[in-house]
């Protein structure tokens, strides 16, 4: 229900009963009271109260300063530091779990303040509502923890008097005071509470333990505590009664306990100024016998230097609770340790089980992989065998083709060689025929010259005969004898010359035939060497191909070490045999080359010797006299022929050497 501000509706009272009320008046003449109202910061409490009643609240800018003056805070830095240095109290280690606060700074300040209070007095470590009571001041003084602690401590000492006498239960005596005042001022509302089974622990204690922080906003709460700190400690209890009296209309419409709980734990549409005016009214109109001021002490500030001892609680209960809590904490720690041990063991067992399962799975995968590799290996071996068979068939075909090609090449080469030889023979025959023709022409010319000479001699003879007819007969006879001797000598020289020419021709033919045979042998040896070199090259290519195949096999069979070693050893043995065979063939080739070189040297020496013999025979003297003159042209012709034959032999020998050197270069 909407609660209107203004005059509070109160139940009608019978006129018969006259109740005496105590009106509080100020005695401004008392010197002692004036000294008591003087505050430490030069402020006067009475003047502040007059200002507060006039404006309803203190200025926001000076509120904290006024509160510190009203509460007369000693600001004991050393004592507070000693409490903070003790660290976080064990009772507030897990404060965040019960009171989750978004601000980490605010949570840390609250934790330190509560820990300092627990270290100051042991009961505060077991007080469950202490965080609710201290939180508004912690939030208000979070930047000055010393002031926050001293404000809360001053509040507990003065406004929380007799709260801890029935600990750990709520303060029954304080709640009884509230109930007596409520019964005096609003009996109908109290009867409504009693009819619904609502006690002071529900309509009064939630407001006290939270200091109205749950039912008021920040501005309303500050305005309320401006009045609380400016008056007697009983003002807080009167505020509880005033709050209920001002909310009587909605409370009278509540029938369930849940509704009452919700009402006293949540904000309501209530004017705080009306509540404060009602509190002042209750303070003035409450009888002295039930007035809380009678049972509560006046305000007492904290002492300077050290904080006072707070022991207004049943010590044996707190000690028993502390011992029980310590025992429970130790049991809980033992339980947590045992639980942690069990969890660790369970985790180890789970980890071991997971590792075992992973190991078994890995072994299964390895087994499957091994089987797969074995199948792949068998397939590769089958493929390799098939490939080897195909390679062997291809090699056989290549060898057959190579043999056919070599045979065809050999036949072509032999045919070409034969054609070249036939061409050379024809050329030599043509040369010889030309030489013979030239020689016959020279002989015919010489014969004609001789006939002309003979005719000249005959003419001279006739001339001599005519001239010497008169000479003696002996002279004629001598002349005839000389002529006969000369003729015989000429015939003899001609026969010797013809025999020499026949001998030279025979020697030339034999020499040419021998040279051709040696040249054919040398060429045949070169061809054989070429064939061997080509065969060696093909074998080497086969070795390289086999080596590549072996390496591929080694890459494919790396996982199977044993078979890889066997295959590698076999390959190494085969390769060693091949290299030995290659070295033997290389050595054989070198020996054949040496033999060919020796044959070339012997052939060259033989050719040079024959040439020198022919030249020596050609340079021998042919005779004297006119025969030498007639044989000059024939000798020059024979020398030219011998020179040409020698140059031809040298050219053929050079060609043979070049053909022999070509395979040697290829082998190198």
Foldseek 3Di string as FASTA:
>chain_A
DAFDDDDFDFDDDDPVDDDDFFFDDDDPPDPVVQVVQQWPVRDGLVVLVVVCVVVLADDPVCLVVVLCRLQVAQLQPVQLVVLLVVDFDPLCPPVCVVPPDPDPLLSVLLRSLLSSVCSQPVVSSVAPLVSLQLSVLCVVPVVPSSVSNQVSVLCCVFLVPQQAAPPPDGRPVLLVLLLVLLCVGHVPLSVLCVVLVHGSCQQPVLCVSNVCPQADDPVLSNSVVSVCSSDGSLLSSLLSSLVCSSCVVVSSVDRHSVVSNVNSRHYDNGDSSSSSVSSVVSQRGPHPVSRVPVVGDGRDHADHNHGDRDDSHPPVVSVVVVVVVVVVVVVVVVVVVVVVVVVVVVVVVVVVVVVVVVVVVVVVVVVVVVVVLVVVVVVVVVVVVVVVVVVVVVVVVVVVVVVVVLVVVVVVVVVVVVVVVVVVVVVVVVVVVVLVVVVVVLVVVVVVVVVVVVVVVVVVVVVCCVVVVVPDPVVVVVVVVVVVVVVVVVVVLVVVVVVVVVVLVVLVVVVVVVLVVLLVVLVVLLSVLVVLLVVLVVLVVVLVVVVVVLVVVLVSCVVPVVVNVVSVVVNVVVSVVSVVVSVVSVVVSVVSLVVSVVSLVVVVVVLVVSLVVSVVVLPDDSDDDVSVVSCPVVSVSVVVVSVVVSVVSVVSSVVSVVSNVVSVVVVD
